[in-house]
PDB file of N, CA and C in Angstrom:
ATOM      1  N   MET A   1     135.426 183.536 106.804  1.00  0.00           N
ATOM      2  CA  MET A   1     135.629 182.109 106.830  1.00  0.00           C
ATOM      3  C   MET A   1     136.063 181.729 108.242  1.00  0.00           C
ATOM      4  N   ARG A   2     135.434 180.707 108.771  1.00  0.00           N
ATOM      5  CA  ARG A   2     135.781 180.223 110.105  1.00  0.00           C
ATOM      6  C   ARG A   2     136.209 178.761 110.029  1.00  0.00           C
ATOM      7  N   ILE A   3     137.281 178.478 110.748  1.00  0.00           N
ATOM      8  CA  ILE A   3     137.801 177.107 110.816  1.00  0.00           C
ATOM      9  C   ILE A   3     138.159 176.829 112.268  1.00  0.00           C
ATOM     10  N   THR A   4     137.832 175.637 112.754  1.00  0.00           N
ATOM     11  CA  THR A   4     138.174 175.240 114.115  1.00  0.00           C
ATOM     12  C   THR A   4     138.893 173.900 114.078  1.00  0.00           C
ATOM     13  N   LYS A   5     140.003 173.825 114.805  1.00  0.00           N
ATOM     14  CA  LYS A   5     140.755 172.575 114.964  1.00  0.00           C
ATOM     15  C   LYS A   5     141.010 172.392 116.456  1.00  0.00           C
ATOM     16  N   THR A   6     140.815 171.175 116.950  1.00  0.00           N
ATOM     17  CA  THR A   6     141.037 170.872 118.360  1.00  0.00           C
ATOM     18  C   THR A   6     142.018 169.709 118.472  1.00  0.00           C
ATOM     19  N   PHE A   7     142.952 169.864 119.409  1.00  0.00           N
ATOM     20  CA  PHE A   7     143.989 168.853 119.621  1.00  0.00           C
ATOM     21  C   PHE A   7     144.135 168.593 121.114  1.00  0.00           C
ATOM     22  N   SER A   8     144.552 167.394 121.463  1.00  0.00           N
ATOM     23  CA  SER A   8     144.895 167.063 122.834  1.00  0.00           C
ATOM     24  C   SER A   8     146.393 166.791 122.870  1.00  0.00           C
ATOM     25  N   ILE A   9     147.090 167.521 123.734  1.00  0.00           N
ATOM     26  CA  ILE A   9     148.543 167.376 123.831  1.00  0.00           C
ATOM     27  C   ILE A   9     148.884 166.926 125.245  1.00  0.00           C
ATOM     28  N   LYS A  10     149.611 165.832 125.352  1.00  0.00           N
ATOM     29  CA  LYS A  10     150.044 165.325 126.655  1.00  0.00           C
ATOM     30  C   LYS A  10     151.368 165.983 127.017  1.00  0.00           C
ATOM     31  N   GLY A  11     151.436 166.511 128.235  1.00  0.00           N
ATOM     32  CA  GLY A  11     152.677 167.120 128.681  1.00  0.00           C
ATOM     33  C   GLY A  11     152.437 168.273 129.630  1.00  0.00           C
ATOM     34  N   ASP A  12     153.509 168.927 129.987  1.00  0.00           N
ATOM     35  CA  ASP A  12     153.483 170.051 130.914  1.00  0.00           C
ATOM     36  C   ASP A  12     152.710 171.219 130.296  1.00  0.00           C
ATOM     37  N   ALA A  13     151.642 171.652 130.959  1.00  0.00           N
ATOM     38  CA  ALA A  13     150.768 172.698 130.418  1.00  0.00           C
ATOM     39  C   ALA A  13     151.503 174.016 130.198  1.00  0.00           C
ATOM     40  N   GLU A  14     152.417 174.340 131.099  1.00  0.00           N
ATOM     41  CA  GLU A  14     153.162 175.592 130.966  1.00  0.00           C
ATOM     42  C   GLU A  14     154.062 175.567 129.725  1.00  0.00           C
ATOM     43  N   LYS A  15     154.693 174.423 129.468  1.00  0.00           N
ATOM     44  CA  LYS A  15     155.531 174.300 128.271  1.00  0.00           C
ATOM     45  C   LYS A  15     154.680 174.334 127.004  1.00  0.00           C
ATOM     46  N   VAL A  16     153.517 173.695 127.041  1.00  0.00           N
ATOM     47  CA  VAL A  16     152.607 173.734 125.891  1.00  0.00           C
ATOM     48  C   VAL A  16     152.280 175.184 125.561  1.00  0.00           C
ATOM     49  N   PHE A  17     151.944 175.957 126.577  1.00  0.00           N
ATOM     50  CA  PHE A  17     151.638 177.374 126.383  1.00  0.00           C
ATOM     51  C   PHE A  17     152.834 178.124 125.799  1.00  0.00           C
ATOM     52  N   ASP A  18     154.013 177.936 126.387  1.00  0.00           N
ATOM     53  CA  ASP A  18     155.212 178.644 125.923  1.00  0.00           C
ATOM     54  C   ASP A  18     155.532 178.327 124.461  1.00  0.00           C
ATOM     55  N   TYR A  19     155.514 177.046 124.103  1.00  0.00           N
ATOM     56  CA  TYR A  19     155.830 176.653 122.730  1.00  0.00           C
ATOM     57  C   TYR A  19     154.753 177.104 121.747  1.00  0.00           C
ATOM     58  N   LEU A  20     153.517 177.110 122.193  1.00  0.00           N
ATOM     59  CA  LEU A  20     152.421 177.572 121.348  1.00  0.00           C
ATOM     60  C   LEU A  20     152.606 179.048 120.983  1.00  0.00           C
ATOM     61  N   VAL A  21     152.894 179.869 121.979  1.00  0.00           N
ATOM     62  CA  VAL A  21     153.124 181.298 121.729  1.00  0.00           C
ATOM     63  C   VAL A  21     154.349 181.485 120.840  1.00  0.00           C
ATOM     64  N   GLU A  22     155.413 180.749 121.123  1.00  0.00           N
ATOM     65  CA  GLU A  22     156.634 180.837 120.310  1.00  0.00           C
ATOM     66  C   GLU A  22     156.344 180.480 118.852  1.00  0.00           C
ATOM     67  N   TYR A  23     155.583 179.430 118.646  1.00  0.00           N
ATOM     68  CA  TYR A  23     155.267 178.989 117.280  1.00  0.00           C
ATOM     69  C   TYR A  23     154.493 180.065 116.507  1.00  0.00           C
ATOM     70  N   PHE A  24     153.410 180.554 117.083  1.00  0.00           N
ATOM     71  CA  PHE A  24     152.563 181.501 116.353  1.00  0.00           C
ATOM     72  C   PHE A  24     153.190 182.885 116.193  1.00  0.00           C
ATOM     73  N   THR A  25     154.099 183.279 117.096  1.00  0.00           N
ATOM     74  CA  THR A  25     154.668 184.631 117.002  1.00  0.00           C
ATOM     75  C   THR A  25     156.048 184.690 116.357  1.00  0.00           C
ATOM     76  N   PHE A  26     156.769 183.560 116.293  1.00  0.00           N
ATOM     77  CA  PHE A  26     158.139 183.596 115.760  1.00  0.00           C
ATOM     78  C   PHE A  26     158.437 182.590 114.653  1.00  0.00           C
ATOM     79  N   LYS A  27     157.762 181.467 114.608  1.00  0.00           N
ATOM     80  CA  LYS A  27     158.157 180.372 113.720  1.00  0.00           C
ATOM     81  C   LYS A  27     157.464 180.363 112.353  1.00  0.00           C
ATOM     82  N   LEU A  28     156.482 181.203 112.158  1.00  0.00           N
ATOM     83  CA  LEU A  28     155.746 181.209 110.894  1.00  0.00           C
ATOM     84  C   LEU A  28     156.299 182.242 109.924  1.00  0.00           C
ATOM     85  N   GLU A  29     156.130 181.987 108.633  1.00  0.00           N
ATOM     86  CA  GLU A  29     156.542 182.957 107.613  1.00  0.00           C
ATOM     87  C   GLU A  29     155.732 184.250 107.757  1.00  0.00           C
ATOM     88  N   PHE A  30     154.460 184.110 108.104  1.00  0.00           N
ATOM     89  CA  PHE A  30     153.588 185.255 108.357  1.00  0.00           C
ATOM     90  C   PHE A  30     153.127 185.156 109.811  1.00  0.00           C
ATOM     91  N   PRO A  31     153.939 185.673 110.757  1.00  0.00           N
ATOM     92  CA  PRO A  31     153.645 185.488 112.179  1.00  0.00           C
ATOM     93  C   PRO A  31     152.449 186.315 112.661  1.00  0.00           C
ATOM     94  N   TYR A  32     151.909 185.884 113.774  1.00  0.00           N
ATOM     95  CA  TYR A  32     150.819 186.590 114.444  1.00  0.00           C
ATOM     96  C   TYR A  32     151.402 187.517 115.499  1.00  0.00           C
ATOM     97  N   ARG A  33     150.601 188.450 115.959  1.00  0.00           N
ATOM     98  CA  ARG A  33     150.946 189.244 117.137  1.00  0.00           C
ATOM     99  C   ARG A  33     149.845 188.998 118.181  1.00  0.00           C
ATOM    100  N   ILE A  34     150.219 189.053 119.426  1.00  0.00           N
ATOM    101  CA  ILE A  34     149.247 188.803 120.495  1.00  0.00           C
ATOM    102  C   ILE A  34     148.409 190.060 120.691  1.00  0.00           C
ATOM    103  N   ARG A  35     147.094 189.896 120.629  1.00  0.00           N
ATOM    104  CA  ARG A  35     146.197 191.023 120.846  1.00  0.00           C
ATOM    105  C   ARG A  35     145.656 191.039 122.271  1.00  0.00           C
ATOM    106  N   ARG A  36     145.379 189.860 122.820  1.00  0.00           N
ATOM    107  CA  ARG A  36     144.774 189.815 124.150  1.00  0.00           C
ATOM    108  C   ARG A  36     145.021 188.456 124.791  1.00  0.00           C
ATOM    109  N   VAL A  37     145.142 188.465 126.105  1.00  0.00           N
ATOM    110  CA  VAL A  37     145.278 187.228 126.878  1.00  0.00           C
ATOM    111  C   VAL A  37     144.191 187.239 127.945  1.00  0.00           C
ATOM    112  N   ILE A  38     143.409 186.171 128.004  1.00  0.00           N
ATOM    113  CA  ILE A  38     142.320 186.072 128.977  1.00  0.00           C
ATOM    114  C   ILE A  38     142.700 185.001 129.996  1.00  0.00           C
ATOM    115  N   PRO A  39     142.908 185.400 131.261  1.00  0.00           N
ATOM    116  CA  PRO A  39     143.326 184.421 132.273  1.00  0.00           C
ATOM    117  C   PRO A  39     142.149 183.603 132.807  1.00  0.00           C
ATOM    118  N   TYR A  40     142.484 182.496 133.476  1.00  0.00           N
ATOM    119  CA  TYR A  40     141.482 181.747 134.223  1.00  0.00           C
ATOM    120  C   TYR A  40     141.097 182.570 135.443  1.00  0.00           C
ATOM    121  N   ASP A  41     139.903 182.338 135.980  1.00  0.00           N
ATOM    122  CA  ASP A  41     139.454 183.053 137.175  1.00  0.00           C
ATOM    123  C   ASP A  41     140.149 182.557 138.437  1.00  0.00           C
ATOM    124  N   ILE A  42     140.757 181.390 138.372  1.00  0.00           N
ATOM    125  CA  ILE A  42     141.430 180.793 139.525  1.00  0.00           C
ATOM    126  C   ILE A  42     142.882 181.264 139.547  1.00  0.00           C
ATOM    127  N   GLU A  43     143.349 181.724 140.695  1.00  0.00           N
ATOM    128  CA  GLU A  43     144.698 182.292 140.804  1.00  0.00           C
ATOM    129  C   GLU A  43     145.818 181.291 140.567  1.00  0.00           C
ATOM    130  N   ASN A  44     145.640 180.045 140.941  1.00  0.00           N
ATOM    131  CA  ASN A  44     146.727 179.069 140.882  1.00  0.00           C
ATOM    132  C   ASN A  44     146.964 178.475 139.498  1.00  0.00           C
ATOM    133  N   ILE A  45     146.153 178.826 138.529  1.00  0.00           N
ATOM    134  CA  ILE A  45     146.344 178.329 137.169  1.00  0.00           C
ATOM    135  C   ILE A  45     147.408 179.190 136.506  1.00  0.00           C
ATOM    136  N   PHE A  46     148.464 178.564 136.025  1.00  0.00           N
ATOM    137  CA  PHE A  46     149.627 179.301 135.529  1.00  0.00           C
ATOM    138  C   PHE A  46     149.629 179.510 134.019  1.00  0.00           C
ATOM    139  N   ILE A  47     148.590 179.064 133.333  1.00  0.00           N
ATOM    140  CA  ILE A  47     148.482 179.349 131.899  1.00  0.00           C
ATOM    141  C   ILE A  47     147.174 180.103 131.671  1.00  0.00           C
ATOM    142  N   PRO A  48     147.090 180.898 130.617  1.00  0.00           N
ATOM    143  CA  PRO A  48     145.843 181.614 130.364  1.00  0.00           C
ATOM    144  C   PRO A  48     144.768 180.684 129.800  1.00  0.00           C
ATOM    145  N   LYS A  49     143.540 181.115 129.909  1.00  0.00           N
ATOM    146  CA  LYS A  49     142.416 180.365 129.359  1.00  0.00           C
ATOM    147  C   LYS A  49     142.363 180.533 127.842  1.00  0.00           C
ATOM    148  N   THR A  50     142.580 181.764 127.380  1.00  0.00           N
ATOM    149  CA  THR A  50     142.484 182.071 125.952  1.00  0.00           C
ATOM    150  C   THR A  50     143.548 183.081 125.555  1.00  0.00           C
ATOM    151  N   ILE A  51     144.118 182.885 124.366  1.00  0.00           N
ATOM    152  CA  ILE A  51     145.058 183.845 123.779  1.00  0.00           C
ATOM    153  C   ILE A  51     144.470 184.230 122.427  1.00  0.00           C
ATOM    154  N   ILE A  52     144.407 185.523 122.161  1.00  0.00           N
ATOM    155  CA  ILE A  52     143.883 185.992 120.881  1.00  0.00           C
ATOM    156  C   ILE A  52     145.038 186.595 120.090  1.00  0.00           C
ATOM    157  N   PHE A  53     145.273 186.024 118.915  1.00  0.00           N
ATOM    158  CA  PHE A  53     146.328 186.475 118.013  1.00  0.00           C
ATOM    159  C   PHE A  53     145.692 187.160 116.801  1.00  0.00           C
ATOM    160  N   GLU A  54     146.463 188.049 116.159  1.00  0.00           N
ATOM    161  CA  GLU A  54     146.021 188.688 114.914  1.00  0.00           C
ATOM    162  C   GLU A  54     147.169 188.732 113.922  1.00  0.00           C
ATOM    163  N   ARG A  55     146.808 188.759 112.641  1.00  0.00           N
ATOM    164  CA  ARG A  55     147.791 188.999 111.589  1.00  0.00           C
ATOM    165  C   ARG A  55     147.046 189.466 110.339  1.00  0.00           C
ATOM    166  N   GLY A  56     147.812 189.991 109.391  1.00  0.00           N
ATOM    167  CA  GLY A  56     147.250 190.373 108.103  1.00  0.00           C
ATOM    168  C   GLY A  56     146.585 191.736 108.109  1.00  0.00           C
ATOM    169  N   SER A  57     145.989 192.065 106.971  1.00  0.00           N
ATOM    170  CA  SER A  57     145.331 193.364 106.829  1.00  0.00           C
ATOM    171  C   SER A  57     144.029 193.216 106.055  1.00  0.00           C
ATOM    172  N   GLY A  58     143.141 194.165 106.293  1.00  0.00           N
ATOM    173  CA  GLY A  58     141.871 194.183 105.589  1.00  0.00           C
ATOM    174  C   GLY A  58     142.053 194.396 104.101  1.00  0.00           C
ATOM    175  N   MET A  59     143.057 195.168 103.727  1.00  0.00           N
ATOM    176  CA  MET A  59     143.309 195.423 102.308  1.00  0.00           C
ATOM    177  C   MET A  59     143.717 194.134 101.595  1.00  0.00           C
ATOM    178  N   ALA A  60     144.547 193.335 102.246  1.00  0.00           N
ATOM    179  CA  ALA A  60     144.946 192.054 101.647  1.00  0.00           C
ATOM    180  C   ALA A  60     143.725 191.154 101.476  1.00  0.00           C
ATOM    181  N   SER A  61     142.819 191.190 102.448  1.00  0.00           N
ATOM    182  CA  SER A  61     141.592 190.400 102.344  1.00  0.00           C
ATOM    183  C   SER A  61     140.771 190.845 101.147  1.00  0.00           C
ATOM    184  N   PHE A  62     140.696 192.148 100.953  1.00  0.00           N
ATOM    185  CA  PHE A  62     139.888 192.713  99.871  1.00  0.00           C
ATOM    186  C   PHE A  62     140.473 192.406  98.497  1.00  0.00           C
ATOM    187  N   THR A  63     141.804 192.403  98.399  1.00  0.00           N
ATOM    188  CA  THR A  63     142.449 192.207  97.096  1.00  0.00           C
ATOM    189  C   THR A  63     142.656 190.737  96.743  1.00  0.00           C
ATOM    190  N   GLY A  64     142.333 189.830  97.652  1.00  0.00           N
ATOM    191  CA  GLY A  64     142.468 188.407  97.348  1.00  0.00           C
ATOM    192  C   GLY A  64     143.890 187.902  97.436  1.00  0.00           C
ATOM    193  N   ALA A  65     144.672 188.461  98.357  1.00  0.00           N
ATOM    194  CA  ALA A  65     146.063 188.032  98.553  1.00  0.00           C
ATOM    195  C   ALA A  65     146.096 186.628  99.168  1.00  0.00           C
ATOM    196  N   ARG A  66     147.302 186.120  99.374  1.00  0.00           N
ATOM    197  CA  ARG A  66     147.461 184.819 100.039  1.00  0.00           C
ATOM    198  C   ARG A  66     146.684 184.819 101.345  1.00  0.00           C
ATOM    199  N   ILE A  67     146.164 183.679 101.710  1.00  0.00           N
ATOM    200  CA  ILE A  67     145.329 183.567 102.903  1.00  0.00           C
ATOM    201  C   ILE A  67     146.083 184.009 104.159  1.00  0.00           C
ATOM    202  N   GLU A  68     147.404 183.802 104.196  1.00  0.00           N
ATOM    203  CA  GLU A  68     148.197 184.182 105.366  1.00  0.00           C
ATOM    204  C   GLU A  68     148.336 185.696 105.507  1.00  0.00           C
ATOM    205  N   LYS A  69     148.066 186.451 104.452  1.00  0.00           N
ATOM    206  CA  LYS A  69     148.160 187.912 104.507  1.00  0.00           C
ATOM    207  C   LYS A  69     146.814 188.565 104.798  1.00  0.00           C
ATOM    208  N   CYS A  70     145.740 187.788 104.738  1.00  0.00           N
ATOM    209  CA  CYS A  70     144.402 188.319 104.996  1.00  0.00           C
ATOM    210  C   CYS A  70     144.212 188.584 106.491  1.00  0.00           C
ATOM    211  N   LYS A  71     143.332 189.507 106.807  1.00  0.00           N
ATOM    212  CA  LYS A  71     143.028 189.851 108.196  1.00  0.00           C
ATOM    213  C   LYS A  71     142.503 188.601 108.901  1.00  0.00           C
ATOM    214  N   THR A  72     143.258 188.150 109.907  1.00  0.00           N
ATOM    215  CA  THR A  72     142.926 186.909 110.608  1.00  0.00           C
ATOM    216  C   THR A  72     142.967 187.121 112.112  1.00  0.00           C
ATOM    217  N   THR A  73     141.937 186.642 112.788  1.00  0.00           N
ATOM    218  CA  THR A  73     141.930 186.583 114.243  1.00  0.00           C
ATOM    219  C   THR A  73     141.952 185.104 114.613  1.00  0.00           C
ATOM    220  N   LEU A  74     142.931 184.738 115.421  1.00  0.00           N
ATOM    221  CA  LEU A  74     143.078 183.351 115.874  1.00  0.00           C
ATOM    222  C   LEU A  74     142.875 183.321 117.380  1.00  0.00           C
ATOM    223  N   ARG A  75     141.849 182.608 117.811  1.00  0.00           N
ATOM    224  CA  ARG A  75     141.548 182.472 119.231  1.00  0.00           C
ATOM    225  C   ARG A  75     141.966 181.069 119.645  1.00  0.00           C
ATOM    226  N   VAL A  76     142.955 180.992 120.540  1.00  0.00           N
ATOM    227  CA  VAL A  76     143.455 179.701 121.021  1.00  0.00           C
ATOM    228  C   VAL A  76     143.002 179.531 122.466  1.00  0.00           C
ATOM    229  N   THR A  77     142.243 178.469 122.709  1.00  0.00           N
ATOM    230  CA  THR A  77     141.723 178.186 124.042  1.00  0.00           C
ATOM    231  C   THR A  77     142.445 176.966 124.598  1.00  0.00           C
ATOM    232  N   LEU A  78     142.882 177.083 125.849  1.00  0.00           N
ATOM    233  CA  LEU A  78     143.601 175.998 126.524  1.00  0.00           C
ATOM    234  C   LEU A  78     142.748 175.479 127.679  1.00  0.00           C
ATOM    235  N   VAL A  79     142.510 174.180 127.694  1.00  0.00           N
ATOM    236  CA  VAL A  79     141.735 173.557 128.767  1.00  0.00           C
ATOM    237  C   VAL A  79     142.592 172.465 129.384  1.00  0.00           C
ATOM    238  N   LEU A  80     142.797 172.561 130.698  1.00  0.00           N
ATOM    239  CA  LEU A  80     143.575 171.547 131.412  1.00  0.00           C
ATOM    240  C   LEU A  80     142.703 170.327 131.652  1.00  0.00           C
ATOM    241  N   LYS A  81     143.209 169.162 131.263  1.00  0.00           N
ATOM    242  CA  LYS A  81     142.499 167.905 131.437  1.00  0.00           C
ATOM    243  C   LYS A  81     143.268 167.056 132.448  1.00  0.00           C
ATOM    244  N   PRO A  82     142.615 166.029 133.007  1.00  0.00           N
ATOM    245  CA  PRO A  82     143.306 165.152 133.953  1.00  0.00           C
ATOM    246  C   PRO A  82     144.481 164.420 133.296  1.00  0.00           C
ATOM    247  N   GLU A  83     145.381 163.971 134.122  1.00  0.00           N
ATOM    248  CA  GLU A  83     146.529 163.167 133.698  1.00  0.00           C
ATOM    249  C   GLU A  83     147.466 163.892 132.749  1.00  0.00           C
ATOM    250  N   GLY A  84     147.644 165.193 132.959  1.00  0.00           N
ATOM    251  CA  GLY A  84     148.648 165.935 132.212  1.00  0.00           C
ATOM    252  C   GLY A  84     148.336 166.200 130.757  1.00  0.00           C
ATOM    253  N   GLU A  85     147.084 166.361 130.427  1.00  0.00           N
ATOM    254  CA  GLU A  85     146.710 166.687 129.052  1.00  0.00           C
ATOM    255  C   GLU A  85     146.229 168.127 128.972  1.00  0.00           C
ATOM    256  N   VAL A  86     146.488 168.742 127.824  1.00  0.00           N
ATOM    257  CA  VAL A  86     145.986 170.083 127.549  1.00  0.00           C
ATOM    258  C   VAL A  86     145.190 170.000 126.251  1.00  0.00           C
ATOM    259  N   LEU A  87     143.945 170.423 126.312  1.00  0.00           N
ATOM    260  CA  LEU A  87     143.103 170.477 125.124  1.00  0.00           C
ATOM    261  C   LEU A  87     143.284 171.857 124.503  1.00  0.00           C
ATOM    262  N   VAL A  88     143.761 171.895 123.264  1.00  0.00           N
ATOM    263  CA  VAL A  88     144.042 173.151 122.562  1.00  0.00           C
ATOM    264  C   VAL A  88     143.048 173.281 121.409  1.00  0.00           C
ATOM    265  N   THR A  89     142.282 174.367 121.419  1.00  0.00           N
ATOM    266  CA  THR A  89     141.338 174.636 120.338  1.00  0.00           C
ATOM    267  C   THR A  89     141.763 175.904 119.618  1.00  0.00           C
ATOM    268  N   CYS A  90     141.937 175.804 118.311  1.00  0.00           N
ATOM    269  CA  CYS A  90     142.311 176.945 117.469  1.00  0.00           C
ATOM    270  C   CYS A  90     141.105 177.342 116.627  1.00  0.00           C
ATOM    271  N   ASP A  91     140.587 178.540 116.866  1.00  0.00           N
ATOM    272  CA  ASP A  91     139.459 179.069 116.094  1.00  0.00           C
ATOM    273  C   ASP A  91     139.969 180.184 115.200  1.00  0.00           C
ATOM    274  N   TYR A  92     139.986 179.932 113.906  1.00  0.00           N
ATOM    275  CA  TYR A  92     140.420 180.925 112.923  1.00  0.00           C
ATOM    276  C   TYR A  92     139.205 181.691 112.415  1.00  0.00           C
ATOM    277  N   ASP A  93     139.310 183.008 112.359  1.00  0.00           N
ATOM    278  CA  ASP A  93     138.295 183.853 111.732  1.00  0.00           C
ATOM    279  C   ASP A  93     139.032 184.716 110.710  1.00  0.00           C
ATOM    280  N   VAL A  94     138.886 184.369 109.440  1.00  0.00           N
ATOM    281  CA  VAL A  94     139.616 185.042 108.365  1.00  0.00           C
ATOM    282  C   VAL A  94     138.637 185.878 107.552  1.00  0.00           C
ATOM    283  N   LYS A  95     138.955 187.158 107.402  1.00  0.00           N
ATOM    284  CA  LYS A  95     138.120 188.045 106.590  1.00  0.00           C
ATOM    285  C   LYS A  95     138.462 187.823 105.124  1.00  0.00           C
ATOM    286  N   THR A  96     137.544 187.237 104.408  1.00  0.00           N
ATOM    287  CA  THR A  96     137.733 187.025 102.977  1.00  0.00           C
ATOM    288  C   THR A  96     136.487 187.505 102.252  1.00  0.00           C
ATOM    289  N   TYR A  97     136.672 187.902 101.035  1.00  0.00           N
ATOM    290  CA  TYR A  97     135.555 188.314 100.189  1.00  0.00           C
ATOM    291  C   TYR A  97     135.430 187.280  99.087  1.00  0.00           C
ATOM    292  N   GLY A  98     134.255 186.714  98.945  1.00  0.00           N
ATOM    293  CA  GLY A  98     134.078 185.658  97.961  1.00  0.00           C
ATOM    294  C   GLY A  98     134.142 184.295  98.612  1.00  0.00           C
ATOM    295  N   THR A  99     134.249 183.296  97.795  1.00  0.00           N
ATOM    296  CA  THR A  99     134.255 181.913  98.255  1.00  0.00           C
ATOM    297  C   THR A  99     135.648 181.497  98.712  1.00  0.00           C
ATOM    298  N   SER A 100     135.693 180.822  99.840  1.00  0.00           N
ATOM    299  CA  SER A 100     136.971 180.308 100.343  1.00  0.00           C
ATOM    300  C   SER A 100     137.389 179.100  99.518  1.00  0.00           C
ATOM    301  N   LEU A 101     138.653 179.044  99.194  1.00  0.00           N
ATOM    302  CA  LEU A 101     139.178 177.927  98.418  1.00  0.00           C
ATOM    303  C   LEU A 101     139.565 176.779  99.350  1.00  0.00           C
ATOM    304  N   ALA A 102     139.454 175.567  98.850  1.00  0.00           N
ATOM    305  CA  ALA A 102     139.860 174.394  99.630  1.00  0.00           C
ATOM    306  C   ALA A 102     141.337 174.477  99.994  1.00  0.00           C
ATOM    307  N   SER A 103     142.148 175.052  99.106  1.00  0.00           N
ATOM    308  CA  SER A 103     143.583 175.180  99.385  1.00  0.00           C
ATOM    309  C   SER A 103     143.837 176.149 100.540  1.00  0.00           C
ATOM    310  N   ASP A 104     143.023 177.210 100.659  1.00  0.00           N
ATOM    311  CA  ASP A 104     143.162 178.150 101.774  1.00  0.00           C
ATOM    312  C   ASP A 104     142.824 177.469 103.097  1.00  0.00           C
ATOM    313  N   ILE A 105     141.766 176.699 103.101  1.00  0.00           N
ATOM    314  CA  ILE A 105     141.366 175.967 104.304  1.00  0.00           C
ATOM    315  C   ILE A 105     142.458 174.970 104.688  1.00  0.00           C
ATOM    316  N   ALA A 106     143.022 174.295 103.713  1.00  0.00           N
ATOM    317  CA  ALA A 106     144.091 173.321 103.966  1.00  0.00           C
ATOM    318  C   ALA A 106     145.323 173.991 104.562  1.00  0.00           C
ATOM    319  N   ILE A 107     145.653 175.205 104.101  1.00  0.00           N
ATOM    320  CA  ILE A 107     146.814 175.936 104.628  1.00  0.00           C
ATOM    321  C   ILE A 107     146.634 176.213 106.115  1.00  0.00           C
ATOM    322  N   LEU A 108     145.448 176.673 106.513  1.00  0.00           N
ATOM    323  CA  LEU A 108     145.210 176.994 107.921  1.00  0.00           C
ATOM    324  C   LEU A 108     145.159 175.736 108.784  1.00  0.00           C
ATOM    325  N   LYS A 109     144.563 174.678 108.283  1.00  0.00           N
ATOM    326  CA  LYS A 109     144.536 173.422 109.041  1.00  0.00           C
ATOM    327  C   LYS A 109     145.947 172.872 109.233  1.00  0.00           C
ATOM    328  N   LYS A 110     146.765 172.964 108.194  1.00  0.00           N
ATOM    329  CA  LYS A 110     148.157 172.506 108.288  1.00  0.00           C
ATOM    330  C   LYS A 110     148.930 173.351 109.294  1.00  0.00           C
ATOM    331  N   GLU A 111     148.673 174.663 109.309  1.00  0.00           N
ATOM    332  CA  GLU A 111     149.329 175.547 110.271  1.00  0.00           C
ATOM    333  C   GLU A 111     149.037 175.089 111.697  1.00  0.00           C
ATOM    334  N   ALA A 112     147.786 174.752 111.991  1.00  0.00           N
ATOM    335  CA  ALA A 112     147.412 174.282 113.327  1.00  0.00           C
ATOM    336  C   ALA A 112     148.049 172.923 113.626  1.00  0.00           C
ATOM    337  N   GLU A 113     148.048 172.026 112.653  1.00  0.00           N
ATOM    338  CA  GLU A 113     148.660 170.705 112.848  1.00  0.00           C
ATOM    339  C   GLU A 113     150.169 170.817 113.049  1.00  0.00           C
ATOM    340  N   ASP A 114     150.799 171.732 112.330  1.00  0.00           N
ATOM    341  CA  ASP A 114     152.241 171.951 112.493  1.00  0.00           C
ATOM    342  C   ASP A 114     152.564 172.535 113.865  1.00  0.00           C
ATOM    343  N   MET A 115     151.633 173.300 114.432  1.00  0.00           N
ATOM    344  CA  MET A 115     151.820 173.836 115.783  1.00  0.00           C
ATOM    345  C   MET A 115     151.927 172.687 116.773  1.00  0.00           C
ATOM    346  N   VAL A 116     151.042 171.713 116.662  1.00  0.00           N
ATOM    347  CA  VAL A 116     151.076 170.554 117.561  1.00  0.00           C
ATOM    348  C   VAL A 116     152.381 169.795 117.378  1.00  0.00           C
ATOM    349  N   LYS A 117     152.764 169.584 116.136  1.00  0.00           N
ATOM    350  CA  LYS A 117     154.022 168.884 115.836  1.00  0.00           C
ATOM    351  C   LYS A 117     155.206 169.627 116.453  1.00  0.00           C
ATOM    352  N   TYR A 118     155.227 170.952 116.334  1.00  0.00           N
ATOM    353  CA  TYR A 118     156.305 171.767 116.898  1.00  0.00           C
ATOM    354  C   TYR A 118     156.359 171.620 118.420  1.00  0.00           C
ATOM    355  N   ILE A 119     155.202 171.658 119.055  1.00  0.00           N
ATOM    356  CA  ILE A 119     155.150 171.537 120.519  1.00  0.00           C
ATOM    357  C   ILE A 119     155.671 170.170 120.959  1.00  0.00           C
ATOM    358  N   VAL A 120     155.213 169.112 120.318  1.00  0.00           N
ATOM    359  CA  VAL A 120     155.620 167.751 120.690  1.00  0.00           C
ATOM    360  C   VAL A 120     157.116 167.550 120.446  1.00  0.00           C
ATOM    361  N   GLU A 121     157.609 168.021 119.294  1.00  0.00           N
ATOM    362  CA  GLU A 121     159.031 167.859 118.976  1.00  0.00           C
ATOM    363  C   GLU A 121     159.929 168.723 119.857  1.00  0.00           C
ATOM    364  N   SER A 122     159.372 169.771 120.441  1.00  0.00           N
ATOM    365  CA  SER A 122     160.159 170.641 121.319  1.00  0.00           C
ATOM    366  C   SER A 122     160.360 170.022 122.694  1.00  0.00           C
ATOM    367  N   GLY A 123     159.671 168.931 122.963  1.00  0.00           N
ATOM    368  CA  GLY A 123     159.908 168.196 124.203  1.00  0.00           C
ATOM    369  C   GLY A 123     159.022 168.591 125.353  1.00  0.00           C
ATOM    370  N   VAL A 124     157.733 168.572 125.138  1.00  0.00           N
ATOM    371  CA  VAL A 124     156.790 168.932 126.207  1.00  0.00           C
ATOM    372  C   VAL A 124     156.812 167.895 127.291  1.00  0.00           C
TER     373      VAL A 124
END
């Protein structure tokens, strides 16, 4: 199952990055771990282009556990826009067997929306 959510956040790009990593690795009931960071090709850019997070297990995916326990790869792409905006795209790739439930999709979309809320409330 693949889900993509894109948000535009106004504020300091470095803080957006810091709060984003904090949210996905520490603030969730089922946190992610960072698997890879892909930098921009330009040296003066102080945030990475893409961060790849992982969580869950293949066995949980196979047994039909909660969606947050299923093997998930989350690719977060950060694009710097003019006038202090950061475009954040969250691409979820969840290994599931069978049909995805609307409630599972809603959980992941809410997780991404809550990330934006956390960043904004943290004072970007």
